């Protein structure tokens, strides 16, 4: 009995090869860097525990993604309301039953696996938002039309912010703006919101937690707290700068291997790339991300239906914001927010979310001909 039908095989032949190869290369790149960043700090037989775990889940998620591509993504539109409720329940469960780490309550323990629901929440929000914006294309030309959409996104946004997880909350905003602009929101509204946000910064400052205020202060001057909040960015800049053109070589970085660079396999993995593979290695990685984002934009442009176009825009906005902010914070041009590098940083929840996001993009590309008449 054949695993795939003739129709499935025909669809698979329309696979987006540049997207597949670029995303796969980033995952493999990440496994190599995770291995380098963690092999010394994990003793005995578990020295490659992180890379083995990441590799296993990358394989499992890839298989799930392949199975998902056998189905028409349009079916997701029918489940927008159910997914939205599930998203809220999941985020409330984190507040009630989640466990805290690094000063935030963001994780739920399921057996041996610790999952971060806010990571999955981003992709779910893209699907939900696309389902309600589908019938509003070209009609978001007034404040009255935008307010219900803002409220729809605002509730999960506040639940994530409460954890607290400012970084993921900002990703929600990037997704929202990307999708409503694609839906026809005038640019003057976007510019107005940005200007209003800038003018409200003195007021918003009063609501920030102390550690969030310190992150902004060390962004402006890391030496304000060089052994505390500023330590991460100082060590990251040292690591990247010391890599120069070709880097010190894999498994040869001093800042990462000698544990000077905190979170070197998660949030600050780009600094390990800069130190061990240098400017050349960093540029190659960024080019791979550029291919993924280019294909995301092209898939959105070529999508045969509004729902698919909005899904592709939301996913591309999410990935672009992640890359921009993560690379920006590790190089010292943006505040530290704890946003992982997509498909690269260690983390099961983040990896799963991003691989499924790539699978949705692939699905949109492969089914587009069904909607072209």
Foldseek 3Di string as FASTA:
>chain_A
DDPADPVLVLLVVLFDVLLVVLLVVQLVVQLLLLLLLQQQVDDDPCSSVLSVVSVVLLVVLLVVLSVVLSDFPVVLLVCLVVLLVVLLVVLVCQVVAFDDDPHFSAWDDDPPDIAGSLLLSLLSVLSNLLSVLQVCQQPQADPVSCVVSCVSLVVSLVSPCVSPAVPSSVLSVLLSVLLVVRSPYDVVVVVVVVVVCVVCVVVVVVVDDPLVVVLVVCLVPLVVCCPPNSQQQVLLQVQLVQLAAQAPARSRGDCSSVVSHPLCQWLSVLSSQSHHGNPVSSVVSVVSLVSNLVLLQVLLVLQLGSSLNSLSSSLSSSLVSLQVASVCCSNSNHGDRRRTRASNHRDSSRPSSNSSSSSSSRSRSSCRVVRDD
